[in-house]
């Protein structure tokens, strides 16, 4: 399965394409989409949308994953980031792809093993997981990390069913599933109710 990870930003949006086949990951391509900082905001959003559409047409991913963003202290920056994120979500959805979203802590935990990992740790682990990849900058590395996080989810989905955790989240309980997975899903639900992912 081919996946595209996207790290939204109005000025720079990182992207990374990988393939997953069970537990194996393969780097396909990565880079950063730039918008013209001198242009009007609407023009910049069109530039992002068109560039992501071009990437999807070129690399033909099966699914997309987008990193969720934190609220910034600067309201204007927060608004611009939100607009960019909306376009980054829209482009793959409009192309007919399933789009998943992951919080930064969840991405770090999937890649490094802890939600509090430093950016440098994430980049180092991405280089280890995707040997031979010449990663084109920190935004591209973040996007590849989002794709790797989604690859872990895709692997779990293949092993345990299309919606192993989602159904439990909606119902607040677990149904028929292996005992180990049932315990893990219940622990995750309890953690979400208590205040989030570490």
C-alpha atoms as a PDB file:
ATOM      1  CA  UNK A   1       0.000   0.000   0.000  1.00  0.00           C
ATOM      2  CA  UNK A   2       1.300   3.450  -0.893  1.00  0.00           C
ATOM      3  CA  UNK A   3       0.801   6.263   1.639  1.00  0.00           C
ATOM      4  CA  UNK A   4       1.386  10.000   1.575  1.00  0.00           C
ATOM      5  CA  UNK A   5       2.098  11.878   4.793  1.00  0.00           C
ATOM      6  CA  UNK A   6       1.513  15.627   4.982  1.00  0.00           C
ATOM      7  CA  UNK A   7       2.791  18.170   7.522  1.00  0.00           C
ATOM      8  CA  UNK A   8       0.675  21.313   6.982  1.00  0.00           C
ATOM      9  CA  UNK A   9       2.018  24.853   6.893  1.00  0.00           C
ATOM     10  CA  UNK A  10       1.076  27.919   4.863  1.00  0.00           C
ATOM     11  CA  UNK A  11       4.663  28.764   3.906  1.00  0.00           C
ATOM     12  CA  UNK A  12       6.032  25.198   3.901  1.00  0.00           C
ATOM     13  CA  UNK A  13       4.027  21.969   3.743  1.00  0.00           C
ATOM     14  CA  UNK A  14       6.129  18.840   4.053  1.00  0.00           C
ATOM     15  CA  UNK A  15       5.198  15.696   2.153  1.00  0.00           C
ATOM     16  CA  UNK A  16       6.500  12.154   2.122  1.00  0.00           C
ATOM     17  CA  UNK A  17       5.474   9.050   0.184  1.00  0.00           C
ATOM     18  CA  UNK A  18       6.205   5.530   1.428  1.00  0.00           C
ATOM     19  CA  UNK A  19       5.063   2.009   0.658  1.00  0.00           C
ATOM     20  CA  UNK A  20       4.203  -0.549   3.298  1.00  0.00           C
ATOM     21  CA  UNK A  21       3.947  -4.295   2.870  1.00  0.00           C
ATOM     22  CA  UNK A  22       3.223  -5.792   6.288  1.00  0.00           C
ATOM     23  CA  UNK A  23       6.127  -4.708   8.483  1.00  0.00           C
ATOM     24  CA  UNK A  24       8.390  -3.483   5.652  1.00  0.00           C
ATOM     25  CA  UNK A  25       8.591   0.194   4.786  1.00  0.00           C
ATOM     26  CA  UNK A  26      10.016   1.639   1.583  1.00  0.00           C
ATOM     27  CA  UNK A  27      10.810   5.283   0.913  1.00  0.00           C
ATOM     28  CA  UNK A  28       9.455   6.541  -2.411  1.00  0.00           C
ATOM     29  CA  UNK A  29       9.902  10.333  -2.350  1.00  0.00           C
ATOM     30  CA  UNK A  30       9.661  13.395  -0.132  1.00  0.00           C
ATOM     31  CA  UNK A  31       9.914  17.156  -0.276  1.00  0.00           C
ATOM     32  CA  UNK A  32       8.313  20.440   0.672  1.00  0.00           C
ATOM     33  CA  UNK A  33       5.612  22.459  -1.064  1.00  0.00           C
ATOM     34  CA  UNK A  34       6.192  26.213  -0.824  1.00  0.00           C
ATOM     35  CA  UNK A  35       3.666  28.995  -1.276  1.00  0.00           C
ATOM     36  CA  UNK A  36       4.576  32.521  -2.366  1.00  0.00           C
ATOM     37  CA  UNK A  37       4.865  34.619   0.790  1.00  0.00           C
ATOM     38  CA  UNK A  38       4.231  37.815  -1.217  1.00  0.00           C
ATOM     39  CA  UNK A  39       0.931  36.583  -2.689  1.00  0.00           C
ATOM     40  CA  UNK A  40      -2.561  37.025  -1.260  1.00  0.00           C
ATOM     41  CA  UNK A  41      -3.674  34.338   1.188  1.00  0.00           C
ATOM     42  CA  UNK A  42      -6.257  32.943  -1.261  1.00  0.00           C
ATOM     43  CA  UNK A  43      -3.589  32.590  -3.956  1.00  0.00           C
ATOM     44  CA  UNK A  44      -1.262  30.846  -1.518  1.00  0.00           C
ATOM     45  CA  UNK A  45      -3.982  28.362  -0.586  1.00  0.00           C
ATOM     46  CA  UNK A  46      -4.584  27.608  -4.275  1.00  0.00           C
ATOM     47  CA  UNK A  47      -0.828  27.040  -4.693  1.00  0.00           C
ATOM     48  CA  UNK A  48      -0.855  24.498  -1.838  1.00  0.00           C
ATOM     49  CA  UNK A  49      -3.953  22.750  -3.161  1.00  0.00           C
ATOM     50  CA  UNK A  50      -2.630  22.504  -6.723  1.00  0.00           C
ATOM     51  CA  UNK A  51       0.788  21.262  -5.582  1.00  0.00           C
ATOM     52  CA  UNK A  52      -0.728  18.515  -3.401  1.00  0.00           C
ATOM     53  CA  UNK A  53      -3.074  17.493  -6.208  1.00  0.00           C
ATOM     54  CA  UNK A  54      -0.041  17.229  -8.509  1.00  0.00           C
ATOM     55  CA  UNK A  55       1.780  15.046  -5.964  1.00  0.00           C
ATOM     56  CA  UNK A  56      -1.233  12.747  -5.668  1.00  0.00           C
ATOM     57  CA  UNK A  57      -1.479  12.480  -9.462  1.00  0.00           C
ATOM     58  CA  UNK A  58       2.249  11.725  -9.753  1.00  0.00           C
ATOM     59  CA  UNK A  59       2.691   9.223  -6.897  1.00  0.00           C
ATOM     60  CA  UNK A  60      -0.849   7.754  -6.789  1.00  0.00           C
ATOM     61  CA  UNK A  61      -1.059   7.017  -3.034  1.00  0.00           C
ATOM     62  CA  UNK A  62      -3.815   4.762  -1.689  1.00  0.00           C
ATOM     63  CA  UNK A  63      -4.347   6.770   1.503  1.00  0.00           C
ATOM     64  CA  UNK A  64      -3.203  10.030   3.096  1.00  0.00           C
ATOM     65  CA  UNK A  65      -2.260  11.013   6.639  1.00  0.00           C
ATOM     66  CA  UNK A  66      -2.090  14.571   7.977  1.00  0.00           C
ATOM     67  CA  UNK A  67      -0.530  15.810  11.191  1.00  0.00           C
ATOM     68  CA  UNK A  68      -2.872  17.694  13.491  1.00  0.00           C
ATOM     69  CA  UNK A  69      -1.593  21.112  14.527  1.00  0.00           C
ATOM     70  CA  UNK A  70      -1.355  22.883  17.848  1.00  0.00           C
ATOM     71  CA  UNK A  71      -2.913  26.262  18.558  1.00  0.00           C
ATOM     72  CA  UNK A  72      -0.244  28.952  18.359  1.00  0.00           C
ATOM     73  CA  UNK A  73      -0.010  31.856  20.793  1.00  0.00           C
ATOM     74  CA  UNK A  74      -0.277  34.250  17.863  1.00  0.00           C
ATOM     75  CA  UNK A  75      -3.931  34.303  16.701  1.00  0.00           C
ATOM     76  CA  UNK A  76      -3.038  35.403  13.158  1.00  0.00           C
ATOM     77  CA  UNK A  77      -0.508  32.556  12.777  1.00  0.00           C
ATOM     78  CA  UNK A  78      -3.054  30.101  14.181  1.00  0.00           C
ATOM     79  CA  UNK A  79      -5.661  31.232  11.641  1.00  0.00           C
ATOM     80  CA  UNK A  80      -3.228  30.941   8.715  1.00  0.00           C
ATOM     81  CA  UNK A  81      -2.109  27.495   9.836  1.00  0.00           C
ATOM     82  CA  UNK A  82      -5.754  26.428  10.155  1.00  0.00           C
ATOM     83  CA  UNK A  83      -6.470  27.600   6.613  1.00  0.00           C
ATOM     84  CA  UNK A  84      -3.457  25.711   5.275  1.00  0.00           C
ATOM     85  CA  UNK A  85      -4.452  22.607   7.198  1.00  0.00           C
ATOM     86  CA  UNK A  86      -7.950  22.777   5.714  1.00  0.00           C
ATOM     87  CA  UNK A  87      -6.502  22.785   2.197  1.00  0.00           C
ATOM     88  CA  UNK A  88      -4.088  19.957   3.054  1.00  0.00           C
ATOM     89  CA  UNK A  89      -7.049  17.863   4.269  1.00  0.00           C
ATOM     90  CA  UNK A  90      -9.230  18.834   1.307  1.00  0.00           C
ATOM     91  CA  UNK A  91      -6.798  18.006  -1.503  1.00  0.00           C
ATOM     92  CA  UNK A  92      -6.465  14.250  -0.846  1.00  0.00           C
ATOM     93  CA  UNK A  93     -10.122  13.944   0.182  1.00  0.00           C
ATOM     94  CA  UNK A  94     -11.192  15.577  -3.098  1.00  0.00           C
ATOM     95  CA  UNK A  95      -8.965  13.065  -4.911  1.00  0.00           C
ATOM     96  CA  UNK A  96     -10.980  10.260  -3.289  1.00  0.00           C
ATOM     97  CA  UNK A  97      -8.385   9.177  -0.717  1.00  0.00           C
ATOM     98  CA  UNK A  98      -9.109   8.113   2.842  1.00  0.00           C
ATOM     99  CA  UNK A  99      -7.507  10.809   5.037  1.00  0.00           C
ATOM    100  CA  UNK A 100      -6.330  10.029   8.575  1.00  0.00           C
ATOM    101  CA  UNK A 101      -5.221  12.604  11.146  1.00  0.00           C
ATOM    102  CA  UNK A 102      -2.664  12.103  13.906  1.00  0.00           C
ATOM    103  CA  UNK A 103      -1.663  14.299  16.834  1.00  0.00           C
ATOM    104  CA  UNK A 104       2.073  15.107  17.008  1.00  0.00           C
ATOM    105  CA  UNK A 105       2.480  13.064  20.203  1.00  0.00           C
ATOM    106  CA  UNK A 106       0.900  10.038  18.562  1.00  0.00           C
ATOM    107  CA  UNK A 107       3.258  10.368  15.580  1.00  0.00           C
ATOM    108  CA  UNK A 108       6.292  10.611  17.873  1.00  0.00           C
ATOM    109  CA  UNK A 109       5.147   7.622  19.895  1.00  0.00           C
ATOM    110  CA  UNK A 110       4.639   5.524  16.755  1.00  0.00           C
ATOM    111  CA  UNK A 111       8.057   6.414  15.338  1.00  0.00           C
ATOM    112  CA  UNK A 112      10.289   6.736  18.415  1.00  0.00           C
ATOM    113  CA  UNK A 113       8.333   5.008  21.180  1.00  0.00           C
ATOM    114  CA  UNK A 114       7.619   8.088  23.295  1.00  0.00           C
ATOM    115  CA  UNK A 115       5.259  11.007  22.721  1.00  0.00           C
ATOM    116  CA  UNK A 116       7.787  13.448  24.173  1.00  0.00           C
ATOM    117  CA  UNK A 117      10.598  12.694  21.697  1.00  0.00           C
ATOM    118  CA  UNK A 118      12.639  15.610  20.368  1.00  0.00           C
ATOM    119  CA  UNK A 119      12.410  16.539  16.690  1.00  0.00           C
ATOM    120  CA  UNK A 120      15.983  15.331  16.186  1.00  0.00           C
ATOM    121  CA  UNK A 121      15.088  11.893  17.585  1.00  0.00           C
ATOM    122  CA  UNK A 122      12.178  11.603  15.161  1.00  0.00           C
ATOM    123  CA  UNK A 123      14.364  12.585  12.203  1.00  0.00           C
ATOM    124  CA  UNK A 124      17.059  10.121  13.250  1.00  0.00           C
ATOM    125  CA  UNK A 125      14.548   7.280  13.580  1.00  0.00           C
ATOM    126  CA  UNK A 126      12.998   8.095  10.200  1.00  0.00           C
ATOM    127  CA  UNK A 127      16.457   7.811   8.628  1.00  0.00           C
ATOM    128  CA  UNK A 128      16.826   4.407  10.329  1.00  0.00           C
ATOM    129  CA  UNK A 129      13.371   3.160   9.288  1.00  0.00           C
ATOM    130  CA  UNK A 130      13.831   4.318   5.690  1.00  0.00           C
ATOM    131  CA  UNK A 131      17.464   3.459   4.891  1.00  0.00           C
ATOM    132  CA  UNK A 132      18.927   5.118   1.842  1.00  0.00           C
ATOM    133  CA  UNK A 133      16.363   7.942   1.860  1.00  0.00           C
ATOM    134  CA  UNK A 134      17.836  11.390   1.240  1.00  0.00           C
ATOM    135  CA  UNK A 135      15.308  13.403   3.216  1.00  0.00           C
ATOM    136  CA  UNK A 136      14.858  16.937   1.894  1.00  0.00           C
ATOM    137  CA  UNK A 137      14.585  18.914   5.135  1.00  0.00           C
ATOM    138  CA  UNK A 138      12.764  18.888   8.472  1.00  0.00           C
ATOM    139  CA  UNK A 139       9.264  19.440   7.047  1.00  0.00           C
ATOM    140  CA  UNK A 140       9.695  16.445   4.743  1.00  0.00           C
ATOM    141  CA  UNK A 141      11.012  14.367   7.668  1.00  0.00           C
ATOM    142  CA  UNK A 142       7.925  15.278   9.722  1.00  0.00           C
ATOM    143  CA  UNK A 143       5.667  14.283   6.821  1.00  0.00           C
ATOM    144  CA  UNK A 144       7.463  10.938   6.478  1.00  0.00           C
ATOM    145  CA  UNK A 145       6.964  10.400  10.224  1.00  0.00           C
ATOM    146  CA  UNK A 146       3.215  10.945   9.762  1.00  0.00           C
ATOM    147  CA  UNK A 147       3.225   8.416   6.909  1.00  0.00           C
ATOM    148  CA  UNK A 148       5.132   5.883   9.053  1.00  0.00           C
ATOM    149  CA  UNK A 149       2.644   6.408  11.894  1.00  0.00           C
ATOM    150  CA  UNK A 150      -0.206   5.709   9.474  1.00  0.00           C
ATOM    151  CA  UNK A 151       1.622   2.643   8.156  1.00  0.00           C
ATOM    152  CA  UNK A 152       1.554   1.225  11.709  1.00  0.00           C
ATOM    153  CA  UNK A 153      -2.195   1.848  11.817  1.00  0.00           C
ATOM    154  CA  UNK A 154      -2.668   0.232   8.399  1.00  0.00           C
ATOM    155  CA  UNK A 155      -0.747  -2.828   9.652  1.00  0.00           C
ATOM    156  CA  UNK A 156      -2.972  -3.069  12.737  1.00  0.00           C
ATOM    157  CA  UNK A 157      -6.065  -2.629  10.610  1.00  0.00           C
ATOM    158  CA  UNK A 158      -4.973  -5.485   8.353  1.00  0.00           C
ATOM    159  CA  UNK A 159      -4.304  -7.727  11.358  1.00  0.00           C
ATOM    160  CA  UNK A 160      -7.345  -6.902  13.483  1.00  0.00           C
ATOM    161  CA  UNK A 161     -10.006  -5.552  11.158  1.00  0.00           C
ATOM    162  CA  UNK A 162     -10.803  -2.272   9.476  1.00  0.00           C
ATOM    163  CA  UNK A 163     -12.072  -0.470  12.568  1.00  0.00           C
ATOM    164  CA  UNK A 164     -10.673  -2.303  15.584  1.00  0.00           C
ATOM    165  CA  UNK A 165     -10.268   0.792  17.749  1.00  0.00           C
ATOM    166  CA  UNK A 166     -12.774   3.168  16.144  1.00  0.00           C
ATOM    167  CA  UNK A 167     -15.836   1.088  16.965  1.00  0.00           C
ATOM    168  CA  UNK A 168     -14.716   0.778  20.576  1.00  0.00           C
ATOM    169  CA  UNK A 169     -14.142   4.545  20.771  1.00  0.00           C
ATOM    170  CA  UNK A 170     -17.673   5.237  19.525  1.00  0.00           C
ATOM    171  CA  UNK A 171     -19.300   2.710  21.875  1.00  0.00           C
ATOM    172  CA  UNK A 172     -16.968   3.175  24.854  1.00  0.00           C
ATOM    173  CA  UNK A 173     -16.544  -0.599  25.074  1.00  0.00           C
ATOM    174  CA  UNK A 174     -15.064  -3.476  23.103  1.00  0.00           C
ATOM    175  CA  UNK A 175     -16.795  -6.315  21.315  1.00  0.00           C
ATOM    176  CA  UNK A 176     -15.371  -9.462  19.756  1.00  0.00           C
ATOM    177  CA  UNK A 177     -11.600  -9.154  19.373  1.00  0.00           C
ATOM    178  CA  UNK A 178      -8.497 -10.972  20.634  1.00  0.00           C
ATOM    179  CA  UNK A 179      -7.904 -10.632  24.384  1.00  0.00           C
ATOM    180  CA  UNK A 180      -4.602  -8.778  24.001  1.00  0.00           C
ATOM    181  CA  UNK A 181      -6.082  -6.246  21.589  1.00  0.00           C
ATOM    182  CA  UNK A 182      -9.177  -5.888  23.787  1.00  0.00           C
ATOM    183  CA  UNK A 183      -6.983  -4.998  26.780  1.00  0.00           C
ATOM    184  CA  UNK A 184      -4.964  -2.507  24.703  1.00  0.00           C
ATOM    185  CA  UNK A 185      -8.087  -0.800  23.318  1.00  0.00           C
ATOM    186  CA  UNK A 186      -9.661  -0.540  26.786  1.00  0.00           C
ATOM    187  CA  UNK A 187      -6.438   0.961  28.172  1.00  0.00           C
ATOM    188  CA  UNK A 188      -6.352   3.495  25.299  1.00  0.00           C
ATOM    189  CA  UNK A 189      -9.998   4.446  25.911  1.00  0.00           C
ATOM    190  CA  UNK A 190      -9.303   4.955  29.616  1.00  0.00           C
ATOM    191  CA  UNK A 191      -6.281   7.110  28.789  1.00  0.00           C
ATOM    192  CA  UNK A 192      -8.295   9.253  26.343  1.00  0.00           C
ATOM    193  CA  UNK A 193     -10.965   9.864  29.001  1.00  0.00           C
ATOM    194  CA  UNK A 194      -8.270  10.767  31.528  1.00  0.00           C
ATOM    195  CA  UNK A 195      -6.699  13.389  29.314  1.00  0.00           C
ATOM    196  CA  UNK A 196      -4.942  12.318  26.150  1.00  0.00           C
ATOM    197  CA  UNK A 197      -2.085  10.396  24.604  1.00  0.00           C
ATOM    198  CA  UNK A 198       1.397  10.500  26.140  1.00  0.00           C
END
